Amino acid sequence: MPHIHLEYSDHLHALEMKPLLSRINRTLVENGLFANASDIKSRAICQQDYVIGLDESAQAYVHAKISILKGRSTALKQEISRTVLEVLQDYLPPQNELTLQLCVEILEMDPDIYSKAIIRP
């Protein structure tokens, strides 16, 4: 845990997302927010069909959805959110002629209905 889904508008297609995902994972571990790096699964998905506001083409976004098991304190969830937002702000430079919205959302998964299996060689 956690699962990180990074959705971003296609205005940002030229940015390298894999290094950003690695930086998010590394920062979460280095800051002590998650103990085991191999538990963090992150992925980025470029969105082509979206509307921001009234279809203003001079806007772009990155939205991080971070799913964690329910039961974490509000303070910890806030720290995770702030940490990931700081990584996004640090990694993503101002965009020429684009307003860039960065968002982080913490989602809780119910451990009673979450299933996981690890298959090793």
N, C-alpha and C. Protein backbone atom coordinates (compact mmCIF):
# COMPACT_ATOMS: atom_id res chain seq x y z
N MET A 1 0.86 -1.15 0.00
CA MET A 1 0.00 0.00 0.00
C MET A 1 0.91 1.22 0.00
N PRO A 2 0.70 2.25 -0.61
CA PRO A 2 -0.54 2.69 -1.27
C PRO A 2 -0.53 2.40 -2.78
N HIS A 3 -1.67 2.71 -3.39
CA HIS A 3 -1.79 2.74 -4.84
C HIS A 3 -1.86 4.20 -5.24
N ILE A 4 -1.04 4.60 -6.19
CA ILE A 4 -1.01 5.99 -6.64
C ILE A 4 -1.39 6.02 -8.11
N HIS A 5 -2.46 6.74 -8.41
CA HIS A 5 -2.91 6.94 -9.78
C HIS A 5 -2.69 8.41 -10.11
N LEU A 6 -1.83 8.67 -11.05
CA LEU A 6 -1.53 10.04 -11.46
C LEU A 6 -2.18 10.26 -12.82
N GLU A 7 -3.23 11.07 -12.85
CA GLU A 7 -3.89 11.40 -14.11
C GLU A 7 -3.42 12.79 -14.52
N TYR A 8 -3.14 12.96 -15.81
CA TYR A 8 -2.68 14.26 -16.27
C TYR A 8 -3.23 14.56 -17.66
N SER A 9 -3.43 15.84 -17.93
CA SER A 9 -3.98 16.25 -19.22
C SER A 9 -2.92 16.14 -20.31
N ASP A 10 -3.39 15.89 -21.51
CA ASP A 10 -2.46 15.65 -22.62
C ASP A 10 -1.64 16.87 -23.02
N HIS A 11 -1.94 18.03 -22.46
CA HIS A 11 -1.07 19.19 -22.67
C HIS A 11 0.34 18.90 -22.15
N LEU A 12 0.45 17.97 -21.22
CA LEU A 12 1.72 17.68 -20.55
C LEU A 12 2.38 16.41 -21.09
N HIS A 13 1.99 15.99 -22.27
CA HIS A 13 2.46 14.71 -22.82
C HIS A 13 3.98 14.63 -22.97
N ALA A 14 4.65 15.75 -23.08
CA ALA A 14 6.11 15.74 -23.26
C ALA A 14 6.87 15.51 -21.95
N LEU A 15 6.21 15.64 -20.83
CA LEU A 15 6.88 15.44 -19.55
C LEU A 15 7.14 13.96 -19.31
N GLU A 16 8.27 13.65 -18.70
CA GLU A 16 8.61 12.28 -18.35
C GLU A 16 7.93 11.93 -17.03
N MET A 17 6.96 11.05 -17.08
CA MET A 17 6.18 10.73 -15.88
C MET A 17 6.82 9.64 -15.02
N LYS A 18 7.56 8.72 -15.62
CA LYS A 18 8.16 7.64 -14.81
C LYS A 18 9.13 8.19 -13.77
N PRO A 19 10.00 9.15 -14.10
CA PRO A 19 10.86 9.73 -13.05
C PRO A 19 10.05 10.43 -11.96
N LEU A 20 8.93 11.04 -12.33
CA LEU A 20 8.07 11.67 -11.33
C LEU A 20 7.49 10.62 -10.39
N LEU A 21 7.01 9.51 -10.94
CA LEU A 21 6.47 8.44 -10.10
C LEU A 21 7.55 7.90 -9.16
N SER A 22 8.75 7.71 -9.67
CA SER A 22 9.86 7.23 -8.83
C SER A 22 10.17 8.21 -7.72
N ARG A 23 10.14 9.49 -8.04
CA ARG A 23 10.42 10.51 -7.02
C ARG A 23 9.34 10.51 -5.94
N ILE A 24 8.09 10.36 -6.34
CA ILE A 24 7.00 10.30 -5.35
C ILE A 24 7.22 9.10 -4.43
N ASN A 25 7.45 7.93 -5.01
CA ASN A 25 7.67 6.72 -4.21
C ASN A 25 8.83 6.90 -3.23
N ARG A 26 9.95 7.38 -3.76
CA ARG A 26 11.16 7.55 -2.93
C ARG A 26 10.91 8.56 -1.80
N THR A 27 10.23 9.65 -2.09
CA THR A 27 9.97 10.67 -1.08
C THR A 27 9.06 10.14 0.01
N LEU A 28 8.05 9.37 -0.35
CA LEU A 28 7.14 8.81 0.65
C LEU A 28 7.89 7.88 1.61
N VAL A 29 8.84 7.10 1.07
CA VAL A 29 9.63 6.20 1.92
C VAL A 29 10.63 6.99 2.74
N GLU A 30 11.36 7.91 2.11
CA GLU A 30 12.39 8.68 2.82
C GLU A 30 11.80 9.53 3.94
N ASN A 31 10.57 9.99 3.77
CA ASN A 31 9.91 10.79 4.81
C ASN A 31 9.25 9.92 5.88
N GLY A 32 9.38 8.60 5.77
CA GLY A 32 8.83 7.70 6.77
C GLY A 32 7.32 7.53 6.71
N LEU A 33 6.71 7.90 5.60
CA LEU A 33 5.25 7.79 5.49
C LEU A 33 4.82 6.38 5.14
N PHE A 34 5.70 5.63 4.49
CA PHE A 34 5.48 4.22 4.21
C PHE A 34 6.81 3.51 4.40
N ALA A 35 6.78 2.36 5.06
CA ALA A 35 8.02 1.69 5.45
C ALA A 35 8.64 0.88 4.32
N ASN A 36 7.81 0.23 3.53
CA ASN A 36 8.32 -0.71 2.54
C ASN A 36 8.08 -0.17 1.13
N ALA A 37 9.14 0.18 0.44
CA ALA A 37 9.03 0.77 -0.90
C ALA A 37 8.30 -0.15 -1.88
N SER A 38 8.47 -1.46 -1.73
CA SER A 38 7.84 -2.38 -2.67
C SER A 38 6.33 -2.45 -2.51
N ASP A 39 5.80 -1.87 -1.43
CA ASP A 39 4.35 -1.82 -1.25
C ASP A 39 3.71 -0.69 -2.05
N ILE A 40 4.50 0.26 -2.51
CA ILE A 40 3.96 1.41 -3.23
C ILE A 40 3.86 1.07 -4.71
N LYS A 41 2.66 1.17 -5.25
CA LYS A 41 2.43 0.92 -6.67
C LYS A 41 1.90 2.21 -7.29
N SER A 42 2.63 2.74 -8.25
CA SER A 42 2.22 4.00 -8.86
C SER A 42 2.18 3.86 -10.37
N ARG A 43 1.27 4.63 -10.96
CA ARG A 43 1.14 4.64 -12.42
C ARG A 43 0.61 5.98 -12.87
N ALA A 44 0.91 6.35 -14.11
CA ALA A 44 0.46 7.62 -14.68
C ALA A 44 -0.37 7.34 -15.93
N ILE A 45 -1.44 8.09 -16.06
CA ILE A 45 -2.35 7.91 -17.19
C ILE A 45 -2.62 9.27 -17.82
N CYS A 46 -2.31 9.39 -19.10
CA CYS A 46 -2.56 10.62 -19.84
C CYS A 46 -4.03 10.65 -20.26
N GLN A 47 -4.72 11.73 -19.94
CA GLN A 47 -6.13 11.89 -20.28
C GLN A 47 -6.25 12.77 -21.52
N GLN A 48 -6.98 12.28 -22.50
CA GLN A 48 -7.19 13.06 -23.72
C GLN A 48 -8.59 13.65 -23.80
N ASP A 49 -9.53 13.04 -23.14
CA ASP A 49 -10.91 13.52 -23.17
C ASP A 49 -11.26 14.11 -21.82
N TYR A 50 -11.25 15.42 -21.73
CA TYR A 50 -11.53 16.12 -20.48
C TYR A 50 -11.95 17.55 -20.80
N VAL A 51 -12.58 18.19 -19.85
CA VAL A 51 -12.93 19.60 -19.96
C VAL A 51 -12.57 20.26 -18.65
N ILE A 52 -11.86 21.37 -18.71
CA ILE A 52 -11.54 22.16 -17.53
C ILE A 52 -12.34 23.45 -17.64
N GLY A 53 -13.16 23.72 -16.65
CA GLY A 53 -13.99 24.93 -16.68
C GLY A 53 -14.94 24.91 -17.86
N LEU A 54 -14.89 25.94 -18.68
CA LEU A 54 -15.74 26.04 -19.86
C LEU A 54 -14.95 25.68 -21.12
N ASP A 55 -14.16 24.62 -20.99
CA ASP A 55 -13.35 24.10 -22.08
C ASP A 55 -12.26 25.08 -22.48
N GLU A 56 -11.61 25.62 -21.47
CA GLU A 56 -10.51 26.54 -21.71
C GLU A 56 -9.26 25.73 -22.05
N SER A 57 -8.76 25.91 -23.25
CA SER A 57 -7.64 25.09 -23.70
C SER A 57 -6.30 25.52 -23.11
N ALA A 58 -6.26 26.65 -22.42
CA ALA A 58 -4.99 27.13 -21.85
C ALA A 58 -4.80 26.64 -20.42
N GLN A 59 -5.41 25.50 -20.09
CA GLN A 59 -5.26 24.93 -18.75
C GLN A 59 -4.84 23.48 -18.85
N ALA A 60 -4.11 23.04 -17.85
CA ALA A 60 -3.68 21.65 -17.76
C ALA A 60 -3.80 21.22 -16.30
N TYR A 61 -3.72 19.90 -16.06
CA TYR A 61 -3.83 19.42 -14.69
C TYR A 61 -3.03 18.15 -14.48
N VAL A 62 -2.70 17.95 -13.22
CA VAL A 62 -2.19 16.67 -12.72
C VAL A 62 -2.98 16.39 -11.46
N HIS A 63 -3.61 15.23 -11.42
CA HIS A 63 -4.44 14.85 -10.26
C HIS A 63 -3.91 13.53 -9.72
N ALA A 64 -3.41 13.54 -8.51
CA ALA A 64 -2.89 12.33 -7.87
C ALA A 64 -3.96 11.77 -6.94
N LYS A 65 -4.34 10.53 -7.19
CA LYS A 65 -5.26 9.81 -6.30
C LYS A 65 -4.42 8.78 -5.56
N ILE A 66 -4.42 8.88 -4.24
CA ILE A 66 -3.61 7.98 -3.43
C ILE A 66 -4.55 7.14 -2.57
N SER A 67 -4.60 5.85 -2.85
CA SER A 67 -5.46 4.94 -2.11
C SER A 67 -4.66 4.26 -1.02
N ILE A 68 -5.15 4.38 0.21
CA ILE A 68 -4.51 3.75 1.37
C ILE A 68 -5.57 3.00 2.16
N LEU A 69 -5.12 2.05 2.97
CA LEU A 69 -6.07 1.33 3.81
C LEU A 69 -6.67 2.24 4.86
N LYS A 70 -7.95 2.07 5.10
CA LYS A 70 -8.66 2.86 6.08
C LYS A 70 -8.06 2.65 7.47
N GLY A 71 -8.12 3.69 8.28
CA GLY A 71 -7.64 3.59 9.65
C GLY A 71 -6.47 4.50 9.95
N ARG A 72 -5.94 5.18 8.95
CA ARG A 72 -4.83 6.11 9.17
C ARG A 72 -5.37 7.40 9.76
N SER A 73 -4.56 8.06 10.54
CA SER A 73 -4.99 9.32 11.18
C SER A 73 -5.13 10.43 10.14
N THR A 74 -5.94 11.42 10.48
CA THR A 74 -6.09 12.59 9.62
C THR A 74 -4.75 13.28 9.42
N ALA A 75 -3.97 13.37 10.49
CA ALA A 75 -2.65 14.02 10.39
C ALA A 75 -1.76 13.30 9.39
N LEU A 76 -1.75 11.98 9.40
CA LEU A 76 -0.93 11.22 8.46
C LEU A 76 -1.42 11.43 7.03
N LYS A 77 -2.73 11.40 6.83
CA LYS A 77 -3.29 11.61 5.49
C LYS A 77 -2.94 13.01 4.98
N GLN A 78 -3.00 13.99 5.86
CA GLN A 78 -2.63 15.36 5.47
C GLN A 78 -1.15 15.42 5.08
N GLU A 79 -0.31 14.74 5.83
CA GLU A 79 1.13 14.74 5.54
C GLU A 79 1.42 14.06 4.20
N ILE A 80 0.75 12.96 3.93
CA ILE A 80 0.91 12.29 2.63
C ILE A 80 0.50 13.23 1.51
N SER A 81 -0.64 13.88 1.67
CA SER A 81 -1.15 14.80 0.66
C SER A 81 -0.19 15.96 0.42
N ARG A 82 0.27 16.58 1.50
CA ARG A 82 1.21 17.71 1.39
C ARG A 82 2.52 17.28 0.74
N THR A 83 3.01 16.12 1.13
CA THR A 83 4.28 15.63 0.60
C THR A 83 4.20 15.40 -0.90
N VAL A 84 3.14 14.75 -1.35
CA VAL A 84 3.00 14.49 -2.79
C VAL A 84 2.80 15.79 -3.55
N LEU A 85 2.03 16.72 -3.01
CA LEU A 85 1.84 18.01 -3.67
C LEU A 85 3.18 18.74 -3.82
N GLU A 86 4.01 18.69 -2.79
CA GLU A 86 5.33 19.33 -2.86
C GLU A 86 6.20 18.69 -3.95
N VAL A 87 6.14 17.38 -4.08
CA VAL A 87 6.90 16.71 -5.13
C VAL A 87 6.40 17.16 -6.51
N LEU A 88 5.09 17.22 -6.67
CA LEU A 88 4.53 17.67 -7.95
C LEU A 88 4.97 19.09 -8.27
N GLN A 89 4.90 19.97 -7.27
CA GLN A 89 5.29 21.37 -7.48
C GLN A 89 6.77 21.48 -7.84
N ASP A 90 7.58 20.67 -7.21
CA ASP A 90 9.02 20.70 -7.46
C ASP A 90 9.37 20.16 -8.84
N TYR A 91 8.66 19.12 -9.26
CA TYR A 91 8.99 18.43 -10.51
C TYR A 91 8.46 19.14 -11.74
N LEU A 92 7.26 19.71 -11.62
CA LEU A 92 6.59 20.28 -12.79
C LEU A 92 6.88 21.77 -12.91
N PRO A 93 7.59 22.16 -13.94
CA PRO A 93 7.91 23.58 -14.12
C PRO A 93 6.68 24.35 -14.60
N PRO A 94 6.69 25.68 -14.45
CA PRO A 94 5.61 26.47 -15.05
C PRO A 94 5.54 26.16 -16.55
N GLN A 95 4.33 26.10 -17.05
CA GLN A 95 4.11 25.75 -18.45
C GLN A 95 3.86 27.02 -19.26
N ASN A 96 4.50 27.12 -20.40
CA ASN A 96 4.29 28.28 -21.27
C ASN A 96 2.82 28.38 -21.66
N GLU A 97 2.23 29.51 -21.32
CA GLU A 97 0.86 29.83 -21.71
C GLU A 97 -0.17 28.84 -21.18
N LEU A 98 0.16 28.06 -20.17
CA LEU A 98 -0.79 27.11 -19.57
C LEU A 98 -0.89 27.36 -18.07
N THR A 99 -2.10 27.42 -17.57
CA THR A 99 -2.32 27.40 -16.14
C THR A 99 -2.36 25.93 -15.73
N LEU A 100 -1.56 25.55 -14.77
CA LEU A 100 -1.44 24.16 -14.36
C LEU A 100 -2.04 23.97 -12.97
N GLN A 101 -3.05 23.10 -12.88
CA GLN A 101 -3.66 22.77 -11.59
C GLN A 101 -3.08 21.45 -11.09
N LEU A 102 -2.60 21.45 -9.85
CA LEU A 102 -2.07 20.25 -9.21
C LEU A 102 -2.98 19.90 -8.05
N CYS A 103 -3.44 18.65 -8.00
CA CYS A 103 -4.35 18.22 -6.95
C CYS A 103 -3.89 16.87 -6.39
N VAL A 104 -4.12 16.67 -5.10
CA VAL A 104 -3.85 15.39 -4.46
C VAL A 104 -5.09 14.99 -3.68
N GLU A 105 -5.54 13.77 -3.89
CA GLU A 105 -6.74 13.25 -3.23
C GLU A 105 -6.36 11.96 -2.51
N ILE A 106 -6.73 11.87 -1.25
CA ILE A 106 -6.48 10.65 -0.47
C ILE A 106 -7.77 9.85 -0.41
N LEU A 107 -7.71 8.60 -0.85
CA LEU A 107 -8.86 7.71 -0.83
C LEU A 107 -8.58 6.58 0.15
N GLU A 108 -9.62 6.17 0.88
CA GLU A 108 -9.45 5.08 1.84
C GLU A 108 -10.10 3.81 1.33
N MET A 109 -9.35 2.71 1.44
CA MET A 109 -9.86 1.41 1.05
C MET A 109 -10.21 0.63 2.31
N ASP A 110 -11.33 -0.05 2.27
CA ASP A 110 -11.79 -0.84 3.40
C ASP A 110 -10.98 -2.14 3.46
N PRO A 111 -10.21 -2.36 4.53
CA PRO A 111 -9.38 -3.57 4.60
C PRO A 111 -10.20 -4.86 4.65
N ASP A 112 -11.48 -4.76 5.02
CA ASP A 112 -12.33 -5.95 5.06
C ASP A 112 -12.69 -6.45 3.66
N ILE A 113 -12.59 -5.57 2.66
CA ILE A 113 -12.97 -5.99 1.31
C ILE A 113 -11.85 -5.81 0.28
N TYR A 114 -10.70 -5.34 0.72
CA TYR A 114 -9.54 -5.23 -0.17
C TYR A 114 -8.83 -6.57 -0.20
N SER A 115 -8.50 -7.04 -1.39
CA SER A 115 -7.81 -8.33 -1.55
C SER A 115 -6.48 -8.11 -2.26
N LYS A 116 -5.50 -8.91 -1.89
CA LYS A 116 -4.18 -8.81 -2.51
C LYS A 116 -3.51 -10.18 -2.47
N ALA A 117 -2.80 -10.49 -3.54
CA ALA A 117 -1.99 -11.71 -3.59
C ALA A 117 -0.66 -11.36 -4.22
N ILE A 118 0.40 -11.99 -3.75
CA ILE A 118 1.73 -11.82 -4.33
C ILE A 118 2.16 -13.17 -4.88
N ILE A 119 2.49 -13.20 -6.17
CA ILE A 119 2.91 -14.44 -6.82
C ILE A 119 4.39 -14.32 -7.11
N ARG A 120 5.17 -15.16 -6.50
CA ARG A 120 6.63 -15.12 -6.68
C ARG A 120 7.08 -16.29 -7.54
N PRO A 121 8.23 -16.14 -8.20
CA PRO A 121 8.74 -17.25 -9.03
C PRO A 121 9.15 -18.44 -8.17
